[in-house]
Amino acid sequence: MGHGGNVIEELTTDHREVDALFEKIQALPSGDDRQREVADQLTIELVRHSVAEETHLYPAVRRYVDDGDDLADKEIADHAEVERMLKELESCTPGDDRFDTLVTQLKTAVTSHVRDEEDRLFPLLADACPAGLLDDLGDKVRSAKKTAPTRPHPAAPDTPPANKLLAPGAGMVDRVRDMLTGRGRQG
């Protein structure tokens, strides 16, 4: 499944990629050093995805969907919990009991969040928004992911306008750190 299309197609593609990363990390033997590499890639993808949703998807949900404020607030609360777990996972090493526990807890939380978005939020948004707006949001989400942070920042703002102002700067710092440490390199 490739990236592109409207916001729902783009984010659904992200969801399948995250599912595959969870399968990959859980298929490795506990304590395998490759678990750290996959955990880092999972973190990068989840953080970028969350920032893009918080910056573009949830403001549209608030504006166009009935009871959108409540829906967006719930999804943002889910993100905060996932980000807290990702931050804790950063300090764990494969083989630690806490590492495996956190991966399992993360998978449960993310799977529930994805199911809620795909089964409830996305259909409501599709019904409430014109196709052109969904296409525009897809472009904005793809653009936001390019500059988004790659590491969890649980204390950072998660709603506009502060998140739109601060995320690119944090993203730049994260990408420099990743480049210097080799984190997130695939190959």
C-alpha atoms as a PDB file:
ATOM      1  CA  MET A   1       0.000   0.000   0.000  1.00  0.00           C
ATOM      2  CA  GLY A   2       1.545   3.301  -1.067  1.00  0.00           C
ATOM      3  CA  HIS A   3       1.196   6.778   0.318  1.00  0.00           C
ATOM      4  CA  GLY A   4      -0.998   9.320  -1.374  1.00  0.00           C
ATOM      5  CA  GLY A   5      -4.648  10.084  -1.777  1.00  0.00           C
ATOM      6  CA  ASN A   6      -6.952  11.775   0.644  1.00  0.00           C
ATOM      7  CA  VAL A   7      -6.353  12.097   4.377  1.00  0.00           C
ATOM      8  CA  ILE A   8      -8.239   8.895   5.194  1.00  0.00           C
ATOM      9  CA  GLU A   9      -6.266   6.850   2.670  1.00  0.00           C
ATOM     10  CA  GLU A  10      -2.969   8.356   3.855  1.00  0.00           C
ATOM     11  CA  LEU A  11      -3.602   7.709   7.533  1.00  0.00           C
ATOM     12  CA  THR A  12      -4.962   4.216   6.866  1.00  0.00           C
ATOM     13  CA  THR A  13      -1.716   3.425   5.024  1.00  0.00           C
ATOM     14  CA  ASP A  14       0.193   4.633   8.091  1.00  0.00           C
ATOM     15  CA  HIS A  15      -1.941   2.369  10.279  1.00  0.00           C
ATOM     16  CA  ARG A  16      -1.058  -0.708   8.208  1.00  0.00           C
ATOM     17  CA  GLU A  17       2.656   0.201   8.332  1.00  0.00           C
ATOM     18  CA  VAL A  18       2.499   0.471  12.128  1.00  0.00           C
ATOM     19  CA  ASP A  19       0.677  -2.889  12.289  1.00  0.00           C
ATOM     20  CA  ALA A  20       3.540  -4.421  10.298  1.00  0.00           C
ATOM     21  CA  LEU A  21       6.144  -2.904  12.645  1.00  0.00           C
ATOM     22  CA  PHE A  22       4.358  -4.383  15.669  1.00  0.00           C
ATOM     23  CA  GLU A  23       4.341  -7.788  13.952  1.00  0.00           C
ATOM     24  CA  LYS A  24       8.040  -7.425  13.146  1.00  0.00           C
ATOM     25  CA  ILE A  25       9.103  -6.487  16.687  1.00  0.00           C
ATOM     26  CA  GLN A  26       7.014  -9.221  18.278  1.00  0.00           C
ATOM     27  CA  ALA A  27       8.342 -11.839  15.845  1.00  0.00           C
ATOM     28  CA  LEU A  28      11.901 -11.227  17.054  1.00  0.00           C
ATOM     29  CA  PRO A  29      13.169 -13.190  20.048  1.00  0.00           C
ATOM     30  CA  SER A  30      13.015 -11.286  23.332  1.00  0.00           C
ATOM     31  CA  GLY A  31      16.336  -9.571  23.942  1.00  0.00           C
ATOM     32  CA  ASP A  32      17.325  -9.482  20.258  1.00  0.00           C
ATOM     33  CA  ASP A  33      19.178  -6.214  19.552  1.00  0.00           C
ATOM     34  CA  ARG A  34      17.117  -5.775  16.374  1.00  0.00           C
ATOM     35  CA  GLN A  35      14.118  -5.087  18.622  1.00  0.00           C
ATOM     36  CA  ARG A  36      15.655  -1.693  19.464  1.00  0.00           C
ATOM     37  CA  GLU A  37      15.932  -0.794  15.764  1.00  0.00           C
ATOM     38  CA  VAL A  38      12.310  -1.763  15.128  1.00  0.00           C
ATOM     39  CA  ALA A  39      11.175   0.043  18.297  1.00  0.00           C
ATOM     40  CA  ASP A  40      12.950   3.185  17.097  1.00  0.00           C
ATOM     41  CA  GLN A  41      11.295   2.928  13.669  1.00  0.00           C
ATOM     42  CA  LEU A  42       7.916   2.328  15.336  1.00  0.00           C
ATOM     43  CA  THR A  43       8.453   5.395  17.524  1.00  0.00           C
ATOM     44  CA  ILE A  44       9.402   7.550  14.544  1.00  0.00           C
ATOM     45  CA  GLU A  45       6.313   6.483  12.602  1.00  0.00           C
ATOM     46  CA  LEU A  46       3.905   6.873  15.522  1.00  0.00           C
ATOM     47  CA  VAL A  47       5.212  10.312  16.522  1.00  0.00           C
ATOM     48  CA  ARG A  48       5.145  11.668  12.966  1.00  0.00           C
ATOM     49  CA  HIS A  49       1.655  10.250  12.428  1.00  0.00           C
ATOM     50  CA  SER A  50       0.334  11.685  15.698  1.00  0.00           C
ATOM     51  CA  VAL A  51       1.728  15.145  15.045  1.00  0.00           C
ATOM     52  CA  ALA A  52       0.196  15.182  11.555  1.00  0.00           C
ATOM     53  CA  GLU A  53      -3.191  14.115  12.923  1.00  0.00           C
ATOM     54  CA  GLU A  54      -3.092  16.673  15.729  1.00  0.00           C
ATOM     55  CA  THR A  55      -2.064  19.441  13.347  1.00  0.00           C
ATOM     56  CA  HIS A  56      -4.510  18.781  10.501  1.00  0.00           C
ATOM     57  CA  LEU A  57      -6.998  15.938  11.056  1.00  0.00           C
ATOM     58  CA  TYR A  58      -8.392  16.831  14.465  1.00  0.00           C
ATOM     59  CA  PRO A  59      -8.984  20.522  13.688  1.00  0.00           C
ATOM     60  CA  ALA A  60     -11.061  19.351  10.683  1.00  0.00           C
ATOM     61  CA  VAL A  61     -12.939  16.883  12.903  1.00  0.00           C
ATOM     62  CA  ARG A  62     -13.692  19.707  15.359  1.00  0.00           C
ATOM     63  CA  ARG A  63     -14.945  21.932  12.542  1.00  0.00           C
ATOM     64  CA  TYR A  64     -16.970  19.546  10.381  1.00  0.00           C
ATOM     65  CA  VAL A  65     -18.094  16.545  12.460  1.00  0.00           C
ATOM     66  CA  ASP A  66     -20.988  16.661  14.918  1.00  0.00           C
ATOM     67  CA  ASP A  67     -19.564  16.336  18.443  1.00  0.00           C
ATOM     68  CA  GLY A  68     -16.145  16.764  16.818  1.00  0.00           C
ATOM     69  CA  ASP A  69     -14.647  18.427  19.881  1.00  0.00           C
ATOM     70  CA  ASP A  70     -15.350  15.369  22.025  1.00  0.00           C
ATOM     71  CA  LEU A  71     -14.048  13.004  19.333  1.00  0.00           C
ATOM     72  CA  ALA A  72     -10.855  15.008  18.810  1.00  0.00           C
ATOM     73  CA  ASP A  73     -10.247  15.344  22.558  1.00  0.00           C
ATOM     74  CA  LYS A  74     -10.543  11.573  22.995  1.00  0.00           C
ATOM     75  CA  GLU A  75      -8.117  10.876  20.138  1.00  0.00           C
ATOM     76  CA  ILE A  76      -5.617  13.435  21.478  1.00  0.00           C
ATOM     77  CA  ALA A  77      -5.842  11.824  24.928  1.00  0.00           C
ATOM     78  CA  ASP A  78      -5.065   8.461  23.276  1.00  0.00           C
ATOM     79  CA  HIS A  79      -2.017  10.038  21.627  1.00  0.00           C
ATOM     80  CA  ALA A  80      -0.792  11.430  24.954  1.00  0.00           C
ATOM     81  CA  GLU A  81      -0.913   7.980  26.537  1.00  0.00           C
ATOM     82  CA  VAL A  82       0.903   6.392  23.592  1.00  0.00           C
ATOM     83  CA  GLU A  83       3.534   9.136  23.643  1.00  0.00           C
ATOM     84  CA  ARG A  84       4.108   8.589  27.364  1.00  0.00           C
ATOM     85  CA  MET A  85       4.692   4.867  26.706  1.00  0.00           C
ATOM     86  CA  LEU A  86       7.016   5.651  23.772  1.00  0.00           C
ATOM     87  CA  LYS A  87       9.071   7.954  25.996  1.00  0.00           C
ATOM     88  CA  GLU A  88       9.400   5.184  28.574  1.00  0.00           C
ATOM     89  CA  LEU A  89      10.290   2.648  25.856  1.00  0.00           C
ATOM     90  CA  GLU A  90      13.194   4.883  24.768  1.00  0.00           C
ATOM     91  CA  SER A  91      14.966   4.185  28.058  1.00  0.00           C
ATOM     92  CA  CYS A  92      14.440   0.415  27.946  1.00  0.00           C
ATOM     93  CA  THR A  93      16.652  -2.133  26.261  1.00  0.00           C
ATOM     94  CA  PRO A  94      15.562  -5.357  24.593  1.00  0.00           C
ATOM     95  CA  GLY A  95      15.628  -8.137  27.129  1.00  0.00           C
ATOM     96  CA  ASP A  96      14.299  -5.919  29.928  1.00  0.00           C
ATOM     97  CA  ASP A  97      10.949  -7.186  31.165  1.00  0.00           C
ATOM     98  CA  ARG A  98       9.670  -3.607  30.884  1.00  0.00           C
ATOM     99  CA  PHE A  99      10.580  -3.468  27.173  1.00  0.00           C
ATOM    100  CA  ASP A 100       8.371  -6.424  26.232  1.00  0.00           C
ATOM    101  CA  THR A 101       5.570  -5.231  28.512  1.00  0.00           C
ATOM    102  CA  LEU A 102       5.609  -1.757  26.982  1.00  0.00           C
ATOM    103  CA  VAL A 103       5.566  -3.126  23.427  1.00  0.00           C
ATOM    104  CA  THR A 104       2.505  -5.216  24.321  1.00  0.00           C
ATOM    105  CA  GLN A 105       0.776  -2.265  26.024  1.00  0.00           C
ATOM    106  CA  LEU A 106       1.592  -0.010  23.084  1.00  0.00           C
ATOM    107  CA  LYS A 107       0.189  -2.494  20.598  1.00  0.00           C
ATOM    108  CA  THR A 108      -3.039  -2.763  22.590  1.00  0.00           C
ATOM    109  CA  ALA A 109      -3.420   1.022  22.888  1.00  0.00           C
ATOM    110  CA  VAL A 110      -2.541   1.741  19.257  1.00  0.00           C
ATOM    111  CA  THR A 111      -4.768  -1.045  17.929  1.00  0.00           C
ATOM    112  CA  SER A 112      -7.723   0.309  19.908  1.00  0.00           C
ATOM    113  CA  HIS A 113      -7.033   3.860  18.705  1.00  0.00           C
ATOM    114  CA  VAL A 114      -6.737   2.742  15.070  1.00  0.00           C
ATOM    115  CA  ARG A 115      -9.950   0.726  15.278  1.00  0.00           C
ATOM    116  CA  ASP A 116     -11.790   3.745  16.706  1.00  0.00           C
ATOM    117  CA  GLU A 117     -10.470   6.043  13.973  1.00  0.00           C
ATOM    118  CA  GLU A 118     -11.152   3.670  11.104  1.00  0.00           C
ATOM    119  CA  ASP A 119     -14.553   2.442  12.314  1.00  0.00           C
ATOM    120  CA  ARG A 120     -15.970   5.684  13.691  1.00  0.00           C
ATOM    121  CA  LEU A 121     -14.015   8.876  13.076  1.00  0.00           C
ATOM    122  CA  PHE A 122     -13.026   8.359   9.421  1.00  0.00           C
ATOM    123  CA  PRO A 123     -16.581   7.512   8.245  1.00  0.00           C
ATOM    124  CA  LEU A 124     -17.972  10.553  10.094  1.00  0.00           C
ATOM    125  CA  LEU A 125     -15.332  12.789   8.527  1.00  0.00           C
ATOM    126  CA  ALA A 126     -15.948  11.325   5.047  1.00  0.00           C
ATOM    127  CA  ASP A 127     -19.670  12.038   5.392  1.00  0.00           C
ATOM    128  CA  ALA A 128     -19.144  15.584   6.671  1.00  0.00           C
ATOM    129  CA  CYS A 129     -16.408  16.865   4.351  1.00  0.00           C
ATOM    130  CA  PRO A 130     -16.270  17.476   0.630  1.00  0.00           C
ATOM    131  CA  ALA A 131     -13.842  15.245  -1.287  1.00  0.00           C
ATOM    132  CA  GLY A 132     -11.650  18.222  -2.188  1.00  0.00           C
ATOM    133  CA  LEU A 133     -11.096  19.039   1.470  1.00  0.00           C
ATOM    134  CA  LEU A 134     -10.166  15.430   2.252  1.00  0.00           C
ATOM    135  CA  ASP A 135      -7.652  15.529  -0.620  1.00  0.00           C
ATOM    136  CA  ASP A 136      -6.198  18.816   0.654  1.00  0.00           C
ATOM    137  CA  LEU A 137      -5.902  17.372   4.160  1.00  0.00           C
ATOM    138  CA  GLY A 138      -4.062  14.363   2.723  1.00  0.00           C
ATOM    139  CA  ASP A 139      -1.479  16.708   1.183  1.00  0.00           C
ATOM    140  CA  LYS A 140      -1.152  18.656   4.440  1.00  0.00           C
ATOM    141  CA  VAL A 141      -0.700  15.472   6.496  1.00  0.00           C
ATOM    142  CA  ARG A 142       2.039  14.205   4.148  1.00  0.00           C
ATOM    143  CA  SER A 143       3.785  17.555   4.379  1.00  0.00           C
ATOM    144  CA  ALA A 144       3.505  17.687   8.186  1.00  0.00           C
ATOM    145  CA  LYS A 145       5.039  14.215   8.540  1.00  0.00           C
ATOM    146  CA  LYS A 146       8.147  15.414   6.683  1.00  0.00           C
ATOM    147  CA  THR A 147       8.917  18.060   9.322  1.00  0.00           C
ATOM    148  CA  ALA A 148       7.375  16.424  12.399  1.00  0.00           C
ATOM    149  CA  PRO A 149       9.426  15.316  15.392  1.00  0.00           C
ATOM    150  CA  THR A 150      10.694  11.727  15.366  1.00  0.00           C
ATOM    151  CA  ARG A 151      10.963  11.317  19.127  1.00  0.00           C
ATOM    152  CA  PRO A 152       8.280  11.520  21.794  1.00  0.00           C
ATOM    153  CA  HIS A 153       7.827  14.913  23.465  1.00  0.00           C
ATOM    154  CA  PRO A 154       5.026  14.295  25.985  1.00  0.00           C
ATOM    155  CA  ALA A 155       5.189  17.837  27.377  1.00  0.00           C
ATOM    156  CA  ALA A 156       4.860  19.508  23.955  1.00  0.00           C
ATOM    157  CA  PRO A 157       1.549  21.128  22.991  1.00  0.00           C
ATOM    158  CA  ASP A 158      -0.791  18.884  20.999  1.00  0.00           C
ATOM    159  CA  THR A 159      -3.298  21.409  19.672  1.00  0.00           C
ATOM    160  CA  PRO A 160      -3.048  24.383  17.289  1.00  0.00           C
ATOM    161  CA  PRO A 161      -1.640  26.932  17.123  1.00  0.00           C
ATOM    162  CA  ALA A 162       1.229  26.020  19.480  1.00  0.00           C
ATOM    163  CA  ASN A 163       1.824  22.565  17.981  1.00  0.00           C
ATOM    164  CA  LYS A 164       2.017  24.019  14.461  1.00  0.00           C
ATOM    165  CA  LEU A 165       4.648  26.501  15.613  1.00  0.00           C
ATOM    166  CA  LEU A 166       6.810  24.188  17.712  1.00  0.00           C
ATOM    167  CA  ALA A 167       6.665  20.800  15.932  1.00  0.00           C
ATOM    168  CA  PRO A 168       8.893  21.746  12.956  1.00  0.00           C
ATOM    169  CA  GLY A 169      11.661  22.995  15.272  1.00  0.00           C
ATOM    170  CA  ALA A 170      11.491  19.901  17.447  1.00  0.00           C
ATOM    171  CA  GLY A 171      11.413  17.816  14.279  1.00  0.00           C
ATOM    172  CA  MET A 172      14.574  19.446  12.971  1.00  0.00           C
ATOM    173  CA  VAL A 173      16.414  18.827  16.255  1.00  0.00           C
ATOM    174  CA  ASP A 174      15.190  15.210  16.322  1.00  0.00           C
ATOM    175  CA  ARG A 175      16.324  14.566  12.743  1.00  0.00           C
ATOM    176  CA  VAL A 176      19.788  15.995  13.489  1.00  0.00           C
ATOM    177  CA  ARG A 177      20.049  13.735  16.548  1.00  0.00           C
ATOM    178  CA  ASP A 178      18.863  10.775  14.454  1.00  0.00           C
ATOM    179  CA  MET A 179      21.434  11.548  11.762  1.00  0.00           C
ATOM    180  CA  LEU A 180      24.271  11.760  14.299  1.00  0.00           C
ATOM    181  CA  THR A 181      23.314   8.538  16.071  1.00  0.00           C
ATOM    182  CA  GLY A 182      22.127   6.541  13.042  1.00  0.00           C
ATOM    183  CA  ARG A 183      18.718   6.069  14.676  1.00  0.00           C
ATOM    184  CA  GLY A 184      15.935   5.109  12.292  1.00  0.00           C
ATOM    185  CA  ARG A 185      18.191   4.187   9.387  1.00  0.00           C
ATOM    186  CA  GLN A 186      16.806   1.289   7.479  1.00  0.00           C
ATOM    187  CA  GLY A 187      19.082  -1.065   5.703  1.00  0.00           C
END
